[in-house]
Structures are given as structure tokens and as C-alpha cells.
Amino acid sequence: MPADLGVADTAALLEWLDLVAEPRVERYWELLSLIDDRPPGPRAVPAFVWLANAIRAHR
């Protein structure tokens, strides 16, 4: 985390991370890939959850 990241920016980042860490959102993109006959991308939810937890632990 940058030391100069303000409280509002940190809150906005955590809000965004909580949104993208939602398993239903990841499943949505996975299903779109299958419909488009493309392989699904790598799972990202665990990394987003880890990052959000790390930010909360260190602020």
C-alpha cells in the first residue's frame, strides 16, 4: 500500500475488491467464456480476497 493513499481512496479500493471478490461475479465471467467457446480464465477470487484482507489488516 502506498503510504500516501488516503482514507477515502483506501475505502474505495476495498469496496472495489469486495465487488470483484464475489464468487458469483467470477462465475458469471466463467459462464460467458463458455458461451463464447473460450476457456475460462484463472480463478482470481482467492487473490482478491487475500489482498482485501491484507489491506484491512495493515491500515
PDB file of N, CA and C in Angstrom:
ATOM      1  N   MET A   1       0.833  -1.178   0.000  1.00  0.00           N
ATOM      2  CA  MET A   1       0.000   0.000   0.000  1.00  0.00           C
ATOM      3  C   MET A   1       0.877   1.239   0.000  1.00  0.00           C
ATOM      4  N   PRO A   2       0.612   2.138  -0.889  1.00  0.00           N
ATOM      5  CA  PRO A   2       1.341   3.403  -0.844  1.00  0.00           C
ATOM      6  C   PRO A   2       1.023   4.152   0.449  1.00  0.00           C
ATOM      7  N   ALA A   3       2.041   4.721   1.037  1.00  0.00           N
ATOM      8  CA  ALA A   3       1.856   5.443   2.292  1.00  0.00           C
ATOM      9  C   ALA A   3       0.967   6.674   2.113  1.00  0.00           C
ATOM     10  N   ASP A   4       0.946   7.235   0.908  1.00  0.00           N
ATOM     11  CA  ASP A   4       0.168   8.448   0.681  1.00  0.00           C
ATOM     12  C   ASP A   4      -1.252   8.182   0.179  1.00  0.00           C
ATOM     13  N   LEU A   5      -1.688   6.921   0.194  1.00  0.00           N
ATOM     14  CA  LEU A   5      -3.054   6.596  -0.222  1.00  0.00           C
ATOM     15  C   LEU A   5      -4.001   7.012   0.894  1.00  0.00           C
ATOM     16  N   GLY A   6      -4.900   7.909   0.581  1.00  0.00           N
ATOM     17  CA  GLY A   6      -5.798   8.460   1.590  1.00  0.00           C
ATOM     18  C   GLY A   6      -6.850   7.468   2.062  1.00  0.00           C
ATOM     19  N   VAL A   7      -7.528   7.852   3.109  1.00  0.00           N
ATOM     20  CA  VAL A   7      -8.563   7.006   3.696  1.00  0.00           C
ATOM     21  C   VAL A   7      -9.687   6.753   2.695  1.00  0.00           C
ATOM     22  N   ALA A   8     -10.114   7.789   1.985  1.00  0.00           N
ATOM     23  CA  ALA A   8     -11.194   7.630   1.007  1.00  0.00           C
ATOM     24  C   ALA A   8     -10.774   6.720  -0.137  1.00  0.00           C
ATOM     25  N   ASP A   9      -9.529   6.867  -0.598  1.00  0.00           N
ATOM     26  CA  ASP A   9      -9.040   6.015  -1.682  1.00  0.00           C
ATOM     27  C   ASP A   9      -8.914   4.566  -1.226  1.00  0.00           C
ATOM     28  N   THR A  10      -8.461   4.368   0.007  1.00  0.00           N
ATOM     29  CA  THR A  10      -8.363   3.014   0.544  1.00  0.00           C
ATOM     30  C   THR A  10      -9.742   2.391   0.660  1.00  0.00           C
ATOM     31  N   ALA A  11     -10.709   3.157   1.126  1.00  0.00           N
ATOM     32  CA  ALA A  11     -12.080   2.657   1.238  1.00  0.00           C
ATOM     33  C   ALA A  11     -12.643   2.307  -0.136  1.00  0.00           C
ATOM     34  N   ALA A  12     -12.365   3.146  -1.130  1.00  0.00           N
ATOM     35  CA  ALA A  12     -12.836   2.865  -2.491  1.00  0.00           C
ATOM     36  C   ALA A  12     -12.181   1.605  -3.047  1.00  0.00           C
ATOM     37  N   LEU A  13     -10.896   1.439  -2.787  1.00  0.00           N
ATOM     38  CA  LEU A  13     -10.193   0.239  -3.234  1.00  0.00           C
ATOM     39  C   LEU A  13     -10.780  -1.005  -2.594  1.00  0.00           C
ATOM     40  N   LEU A  14     -11.036  -0.945  -1.287  1.00  0.00           N
ATOM     41  CA  LEU A  14     -11.620  -2.099  -0.594  1.00  0.00           C
ATOM     42  C   LEU A  14     -13.029  -2.395  -1.097  1.00  0.00           C
ATOM     43  N   GLU A  15     -13.784  -1.368  -1.400  1.00  0.00           N
ATOM     44  CA  GLU A  15     -15.128  -1.570  -1.946  1.00  0.00           C
ATOM     45  C   GLU A  15     -15.044  -2.282  -3.298  1.00  0.00           C
ATOM     46  N   TRP A  16     -14.110  -1.862  -4.141  1.00  0.00           N
ATOM     47  CA  TRP A  16     -13.941  -2.494  -5.447  1.00  0.00           C
ATOM     48  C   TRP A  16     -13.468  -3.939  -5.283  1.00  0.00           C
ATOM     49  N   LEU A  17     -12.525  -4.164  -4.378  1.00  0.00           N
ATOM     50  CA  LEU A  17     -12.032  -5.528  -4.142  1.00  0.00           C
ATOM     51  C   LEU A  17     -13.154  -6.436  -3.653  1.00  0.00           C
ATOM     52  N   ASP A  18     -14.009  -5.921  -2.776  1.00  0.00           N
ATOM     53  CA  ASP A  18     -15.138  -6.721  -2.306  1.00  0.00           C
ATOM     54  C   ASP A  18     -16.083  -7.071  -3.449  1.00  0.00           C
ATOM     55  N   LEU A  19     -16.236  -6.162  -4.380  1.00  0.00           N
ATOM     56  CA  LEU A  19     -17.094  -6.425  -5.537  1.00  0.00           C
ATOM     57  C   LEU A  19     -16.502  -7.516  -6.421  1.00  0.00           C
ATOM     58  N   VAL A  20     -15.227  -7.403  -6.764  1.00  0.00           N
ATOM     59  CA  VAL A  20     -14.626  -8.379  -7.673  1.00  0.00           C
ATOM     60  C   VAL A  20     -14.285  -9.686  -6.975  1.00  0.00           C
ATOM     61  N   ALA A  21     -14.293  -9.693  -5.649  1.00  0.00           N
ATOM     62  CA  ALA A  21     -14.027 -10.926  -4.907  1.00  0.00           C
ATOM     63  C   ALA A  21     -15.294 -11.747  -4.705  1.00  0.00           C
ATOM     64  N   GLU A  22     -16.369 -11.315  -5.285  1.00  0.00           N
ATOM     65  CA  GLU A  22     -17.639 -12.031  -5.174  1.00  0.00           C
ATOM     66  C   GLU A  22     -17.604 -13.261  -6.090  1.00  0.00           C
ATOM     67  N   PRO A  23     -17.754 -14.462  -5.549  1.00  0.00           N
ATOM     68  CA  PRO A  23     -17.703 -15.674  -6.381  1.00  0.00           C
ATOM     69  C   PRO A  23     -18.739 -15.692  -7.502  1.00  0.00           C
ATOM     70  N   ARG A  24     -19.888 -15.059  -7.279  1.00  0.00           N
ATOM     71  CA  ARG A  24     -20.913 -15.037  -8.345  1.00  0.00           C
ATOM     72  C   ARG A  24     -20.459 -14.220  -9.543  1.00  0.00           C
ATOM     73  N   VAL A  25     -19.693 -13.164  -9.308  1.00  0.00           N
ATOM     74  CA  VAL A  25     -19.168 -12.365 -10.414  1.00  0.00           C
ATOM     75  C   VAL A  25     -18.171 -13.196 -11.219  1.00  0.00           C
ATOM     76  N   GLU A  26     -17.305 -13.890 -10.509  1.00  0.00           N
ATOM     77  CA  GLU A  26     -16.341 -14.738 -11.209  1.00  0.00           C
ATOM     78  C   GLU A  26     -17.050 -15.833 -12.003  1.00  0.00           C
ATOM     79  N   ARG A  27     -18.086 -16.421 -11.438  1.00  0.00           N
ATOM     80  CA  ARG A  27     -18.842 -17.462 -12.140  1.00  0.00           C
ATOM     81  C   ARG A  27     -19.514 -16.886 -13.387  1.00  0.00           C
ATOM     82  N   TYR A  28     -20.009 -15.665 -13.306  1.00  0.00           N
ATOM     83  CA  TYR A  28     -20.617 -15.006 -14.460  1.00  0.00           C
ATOM     84  C   TYR A  28     -19.632 -14.939 -15.617  1.00  0.00           C
ATOM     85  N   TRP A  29     -18.399 -14.478 -15.336  1.00  0.00           N
ATOM     86  CA  TRP A  29     -17.393 -14.368 -16.388  1.00  0.00           C
ATOM     87  C   TRP A  29     -16.988 -15.745 -16.909  1.00  0.00           C
ATOM     88  N   GLU A  30     -16.970 -16.716 -16.028  1.00  0.00           N
ATOM     89  CA  GLU A  30     -16.661 -18.084 -16.450  1.00  0.00           C
ATOM     90  C   GLU A  30     -17.719 -18.605 -17.419  1.00  0.00           C
ATOM     91  N   LEU A  31     -18.978 -18.359 -17.102  1.00  0.00           N
ATOM     92  CA  LEU A  31     -20.059 -18.806 -17.984  1.00  0.00           C
ATOM     93  C   LEU A  31     -20.034 -18.073 -19.318  1.00  0.00           C
ATOM     94  N   LEU A  32     -19.721 -16.784 -19.303  1.00  0.00           N
ATOM     95  CA  LEU A  32     -19.602 -16.053 -20.572  1.00  0.00           C
ATOM     96  C   LEU A  32     -18.494 -16.642 -21.444  1.00  0.00           C
ATOM     97  N   SER A  33     -17.396 -17.022 -20.832  1.00  0.00           N
ATOM     98  CA  SER A  33     -16.309 -17.646 -21.591  1.00  0.00           C
ATOM     99  C   SER A  33     -16.776 -18.943 -22.230  1.00  0.00           C
ATOM    100  N   LEU A  34     -17.525 -19.734 -21.481  1.00  0.00           N
ATOM    101  CA  LEU A  34     -18.016 -20.996 -22.023  1.00  0.00           C
ATOM    102  C   LEU A  34     -18.992 -20.771 -23.173  1.00  0.00           C
ATOM    103  N   ILE A  35     -19.849 -19.775 -23.035  1.00  0.00           N
ATOM    104  CA  ILE A  35     -20.799 -19.454 -24.108  1.00  0.00           C
ATOM    105  C   ILE A  35     -20.049 -19.022 -25.360  1.00  0.00           C
ATOM    106  N   ASP A  36     -18.974 -18.260 -25.186  1.00  0.00           N
ATOM    107  CA  ASP A  36     -18.172 -17.781 -26.314  1.00  0.00           C
ATOM    108  C   ASP A  36     -17.161 -18.822 -26.798  1.00  0.00           C
ATOM    109  N   ASP A  37     -17.249 -20.024 -26.261  1.00  0.00           N
ATOM    110  CA  ASP A  37     -16.365 -21.133 -26.648  1.00  0.00           C
ATOM    111  C   ASP A  37     -14.886 -20.807 -26.403  1.00  0.00           C
ATOM    112  N   ARG A  38     -14.641 -20.166 -25.275  1.00  0.00           N
ATOM    113  CA  ARG A  38     -13.278 -19.865 -24.848  1.00  0.00           C
ATOM    114  C   ARG A  38     -13.044 -20.537 -23.507  1.00  0.00           C
ATOM    115  N   PRO A  39     -11.824 -20.908 -23.213  1.00  0.00           N
ATOM    116  CA  PRO A  39     -11.564 -21.490 -21.893  1.00  0.00           C
ATOM    117  C   PRO A  39     -11.683 -20.409 -20.820  1.00  0.00           C
ATOM    118  N   PRO A  40     -12.194 -20.774 -19.668  1.00  0.00           N
ATOM    119  CA  PRO A  40     -12.285 -19.771 -18.599  1.00  0.00           C
ATOM    120  C   PRO A  40     -10.895 -19.368 -18.130  1.00  0.00           C
ATOM    121  N   GLY A  41     -10.784 -18.141 -17.682  1.00  0.00           N
ATOM    122  CA  GLY A  41      -9.511 -17.649 -17.180  1.00  0.00           C
ATOM    123  C   GLY A  41      -9.194 -18.240 -15.818  1.00  0.00           C
ATOM    124  N   PRO A  42      -8.029 -17.940 -15.318  1.00  0.00           N
ATOM    125  CA  PRO A  42      -7.663 -18.453 -13.997  1.00  0.00           C
ATOM    126  C   PRO A  42      -8.534 -17.822 -12.911  1.00  0.00           C
ATOM    127  N   ARG A  43      -8.736 -18.558 -11.852  1.00  0.00           N
ATOM    128  CA  ARG A  43      -9.553 -18.058 -10.742  1.00  0.00           C
ATOM    129  C   ARG A  43      -8.846 -16.899 -10.063  1.00  0.00           C
ATOM    130  N   ALA A  44      -9.559 -15.812  -9.847  1.00  0.00           N
ATOM    131  CA  ALA A  44      -8.963 -14.623  -9.256  1.00  0.00           C
ATOM    132  C   ALA A  44      -9.532 -14.299  -7.878  1.00  0.00           C
ATOM    133  N   VAL A  45     -10.691 -14.844  -7.550  1.00  0.00           N
ATOM    134  CA  VAL A  45     -11.342 -14.506  -6.287  1.00  0.00           C
ATOM    135  C   VAL A  45     -10.437 -14.740  -5.080  1.00  0.00           C
ATOM    136  N   PRO A  46      -9.746 -15.883  -4.977  1.00  0.00           N
ATOM    137  CA  PRO A  46      -8.894 -16.057  -3.796  1.00  0.00           C
ATOM    138  C   PRO A  46      -7.819 -14.974  -3.651  1.00  0.00           C
ATOM    139  N   ALA A  47      -7.263 -14.525  -4.744  1.00  0.00           N
ATOM    140  CA  ALA A  47      -6.242 -13.476  -4.679  1.00  0.00           C
ATOM    141  C   ALA A  47      -6.855 -12.140  -4.256  1.00  0.00           C
ATOM    142  N   PHE A  48      -8.034 -11.820  -4.761  1.00  0.00           N
ATOM    143  CA  PHE A  48      -8.695 -10.573  -4.377  1.00  0.00           C
ATOM    144  C   PHE A  48      -9.084 -10.588  -2.901  1.00  0.00           C
ATOM    145  N   VAL A  49      -9.573 -11.735  -2.421  1.00  0.00           N
ATOM    146  CA  VAL A  49      -9.933 -11.862  -1.005  1.00  0.00           C
ATOM    147  C   VAL A  49      -8.691 -11.688  -0.137  1.00  0.00           C
ATOM    148  N   TRP A  50      -7.601 -12.335  -0.541  1.00  0.00           N
ATOM    149  CA  TRP A  50      -6.356 -12.223   0.212  1.00  0.00           C
ATOM    150  C   TRP A  50      -5.886 -10.772   0.267  1.00  0.00           C
ATOM    151  N   LEU A  51      -5.915 -10.090  -0.873  1.00  0.00           N
ATOM    152  CA  LEU A  51      -5.463  -8.697  -0.924  1.00  0.00           C
ATOM    153  C   LEU A  51      -6.326  -7.801  -0.046  1.00  0.00           C
ATOM    154  N   ALA A  52      -7.640  -7.956  -0.117  1.00  0.00           N
ATOM    155  CA  ALA A  52      -8.531  -7.144   0.705  1.00  0.00           C
ATOM    156  C   ALA A  52      -8.274  -7.393   2.190  1.00  0.00           C
ATOM    157  N   ASN A  53      -8.089  -8.639   2.568  1.00  0.00           N
ATOM    158  CA  ASN A  53      -7.802  -8.959   3.968  1.00  0.00           C
ATOM    159  C   ASN A  53      -6.466  -8.372   4.408  1.00  0.00           C
ATOM    160  N   ALA A  54      -5.474  -8.417   3.541  1.00  0.00           N
ATOM    161  CA  ALA A  54      -4.162  -7.865   3.865  1.00  0.00           C
ATOM    162  C   ALA A  54      -4.243  -6.348   4.048  1.00  0.00           C
ATOM    163  N   ILE A  55      -4.982  -5.674   3.190  1.00  0.00           N
ATOM    164  CA  ILE A  55      -5.138  -4.216   3.313  1.00  0.00           C
ATOM    165  C   ILE A  55      -5.844  -3.875   4.615  1.00  0.00           C
ATOM    166  N   ARG A  56      -6.896  -4.599   4.930  1.00  0.00           N
ATOM    167  CA  ARG A  56      -7.624  -4.333   6.185  1.00  0.00           C
ATOM    168  C   ARG A  56      -6.750  -4.582   7.397  1.00  0.00           C
ATOM    169  N   ALA A  57      -5.889  -5.579   7.343  1.00  0.00           N
ATOM    170  CA  ALA A  57      -5.030  -5.903   8.483  1.00  0.00           C
ATOM    171  C   ALA A  57      -3.935  -4.880   8.708  1.00  0.00           C
ATOM    172  N   HIS A  58      -3.563  -4.154   7.658  1.00  0.00           N
ATOM    173  CA  HIS A  58      -2.411  -3.249   7.754  1.00  0.00           C
ATOM    174  C   HIS A  58      -2.758  -1.772   7.632  1.00  0.00           C
ATOM    175  N   ARG A  59      -4.026  -1.414   7.814  1.00  0.00           N
ATOM    176  CA  ARG A  59      -4.326   0.015   7.742  1.00  0.00           C
ATOM    177  C   ARG A  59      -4.533   0.612   9.088  1.00  0.00           C
TER     178      ARG A  59
END
